[in-house]
Structures are given as structure tokens and as C-alpha cells.
Protein backbone atom coordinates (compact mmCIF):
# COMPACT_ATOMS: atom_id res chain seq x y z
CA MET A 1 0.00 0.00 0.00
CA GLU A 2 2.83 2.39 0.86
CA HIS A 3 4.38 2.00 -2.61
CA SER A 4 1.07 2.80 -4.32
CA ILE A 5 0.34 5.82 -2.14
CA GLY A 6 3.84 7.17 -2.73
CA PHE A 7 3.56 6.61 -6.48
CA TYR A 8 0.33 8.59 -6.88
CA GLU A 9 1.54 11.33 -4.55
CA ARG A 10 4.90 11.72 -6.27
CA TYR A 11 3.88 11.53 -9.91
CA PHE A 12 0.31 12.82 -9.98
CA GLY A 13 0.25 15.31 -7.10
CA MET A 14 -2.36 13.41 -5.13
CA LYS A 15 -2.50 13.55 -1.33
CA LEU A 16 -3.63 10.91 1.13
CA SER A 17 -6.94 12.14 2.58
CA SER A 18 -7.92 9.14 4.70
CA ARG A 19 -6.99 5.57 5.42
CA ARG A 20 -8.69 2.86 7.43
CA GLU A 21 -9.07 -0.84 8.11
CA ILE A 22 -12.16 -2.79 7.05
CA SER A 23 -12.30 -5.77 9.40
CA GLN A 24 -15.23 -7.44 7.60
CA ASN A 25 -13.12 -8.34 4.58
CA LYS A 26 -9.63 -8.03 6.12
CA ALA A 27 -8.75 -5.04 3.97
CA GLU A 28 -7.22 -1.62 4.24
CA ILE A 29 -8.38 1.29 2.09
CA ALA A 30 -6.71 4.58 1.33
CA PHE A 31 -8.30 7.58 -0.36
CA LEU A 32 -6.17 10.01 -2.31
CA GLU A 33 -7.37 13.33 -3.65
CA GLY A 34 -6.03 16.13 -5.77
CA GLY A 35 -4.18 16.61 -8.98
CA SER A 36 -7.39 18.00 -10.49
CA PRO A 37 -10.52 19.36 -8.79
CA GLY A 38 -12.86 16.54 -7.83
CA LEU A 39 -10.31 13.81 -8.57
CA ALA A 40 -10.29 10.97 -6.03
CA LEU A 41 -8.72 7.55 -6.08
CA GLU A 42 -9.44 4.66 -3.71
CA LEU A 43 -6.75 2.03 -3.19
CA THR A 44 -7.66 -1.28 -1.55
CA ARG A 45 -5.28 -3.86 -0.09
CA TYR A 46 -6.59 -7.26 0.98
CA LYS A 47 -4.40 -8.51 3.81
CA ALA A 48 -4.97 -12.21 3.08
CA GLN A 49 -3.80 -11.77 -0.51
CA ALA A 50 -0.06 -12.47 -0.49
CA LYS A 51 0.57 -11.63 -4.14
CA PHE A 52 -1.18 -9.45 -6.70
CA GLU A 53 -1.05 -10.60 -10.31
CA GLN A 54 -2.51 -8.81 -13.30
CA ALA A 55 -4.15 -10.97 -15.94
CA PRO A 56 -2.37 -11.00 -19.30
CA TYR A 57 -3.21 -7.81 -21.16
CA GLU A 58 -5.60 -9.50 -23.61
CA SER A 59 -7.55 -11.09 -20.73
CA ARG A 60 -8.05 -8.00 -18.58
CA VAL A 61 -11.58 -6.83 -17.89
CA PHE A 62 -10.27 -3.53 -16.51
CA ASP A 63 -7.84 -1.93 -18.94
CA HIS A 64 -6.29 1.23 -17.49
CA LEU A 65 -6.53 4.53 -15.64
CA ALA A 66 -5.72 7.85 -17.33
CA PHE A 67 -4.38 11.12 -15.94
CA THR A 68 -3.88 14.41 -17.75
CA VAL A 69 -0.54 16.06 -17.05
CA PRO A 70 1.06 19.33 -18.16
CA ASP A 71 4.18 17.74 -19.71
CA CYS A 72 4.08 14.06 -20.72
CA GLU A 73 7.74 13.84 -21.83
CA LYS A 74 9.04 15.39 -18.62
CA LEU A 75 6.91 13.18 -16.37
CA VAL A 76 7.84 9.98 -18.20
CA LYS A 77 11.53 10.90 -17.97
CA GLU A 78 11.14 11.44 -14.21
CA MET A 79 9.24 8.16 -13.87
CA LYS A 80 11.92 6.22 -15.75
CA ALA A 81 14.59 7.71 -13.49
CA GLY A 82 12.48 6.54 -10.52
CA GLY A 83 12.31 2.97 -11.84
CA VAL A 84 8.72 3.09 -13.10
CA VAL A 85 7.90 0.62 -15.89
CA VAL A 86 7.15 2.54 -19.10
CA THR A 87 5.24 0.27 -21.46
CA ASP A 88 4.81 2.82 -24.27
CA GLU A 89 7.09 5.83 -24.71
CA PRO A 90 5.40 9.19 -25.39
CA PHE A 91 3.82 9.53 -28.83
CA MET A 92 1.34 11.81 -30.55
CA LEU A 93 -2.26 10.70 -30.85
CA GLY A 94 -4.20 13.37 -32.67
CA LYS A 95 -3.51 16.60 -30.79
CA SER A 96 -2.43 14.87 -27.58
CA ARG A 97 0.87 13.36 -26.49
CA ILE A 98 0.34 10.12 -24.56
CA ALA A 99 2.39 7.40 -22.90
CA PHE A 100 1.62 4.29 -20.87
CA VAL A 101 3.25 3.34 -17.57
CA GLU A 102 2.55 0.86 -14.79
CA ASP A 103 1.97 1.66 -11.13
CA PRO A 104 3.91 -0.38 -8.52
CA TYR A 105 1.46 -3.30 -8.84
CA GLY A 106 1.13 -3.36 -12.61
CA THR A 107 -1.98 -1.24 -13.15
CA LEU A 108 -1.65 0.31 -16.59
CA ILE A 109 -1.84 4.12 -16.58
CA GLU A 110 -2.20 6.39 -19.58
CA VAL A 111 -0.46 9.74 -19.20
CA ILE A 112 -2.07 12.38 -21.42
CA GLU A 113 -0.80 15.85 -22.35
CA ARG A 114 -3.50 17.75 -24.22
CA LYS A 115 -2.12 20.09 -26.88
């Protein structure tokens, strides 16, 4: 959980707003806010789950998250220096520059710079 919280705080400007245990399902949840007005992200960690594995890309039901950023190239460079997995280097898609990275547990994230 700490790695995920740190990732979203460092790279997307989010701040931890609350965190608590849920005894009914042996979980811990953390809420992060910020980056953009009204943006909130809930992270959940199930304590009985020893290992998290993403399904192969073609088998995923949930594909990815996306965040708009002011400078895609700069952020991806910073992420690479921090050891973040970059699955697709920045490229132009229409009038936007986009890239794909993974969070500490393999969730695919699209980074979008609108031009």
C-alpha cells in the first residue's frame, strides 16, 4: 500500500486524505485526492492476498486509468529515473501526447498531455 500511495503522490500530485481498516473483509483502504478538482482515487489492499497478479493484457476486464498532465515527456523521464515501468514511450495521438506506464502493482496508466 505504501508503494502505491507514494507513487500517486509523487507523480500525480495526489494527497492521502484518509486511510482505514475494514475488518469485515480483512482489507485496508486509502483515499487520495487532488491533482485535479474533484479527482479521487481509492486504493484497496486485501491482507490475506499475499501476491497481486494482473491478468495478461488480452484477458483483462479492466484496462487502465488515465491522468492528464502538463508535460508528458518530462513526467515519463522522471518516472523512468524513478524505476517506473514505461510500457509505451510518449507519442502523438491526434492533438495529444500520450504514454503508458505501470503503477507499482502493474496497473496500466495512460499519461495524457493535451495540446
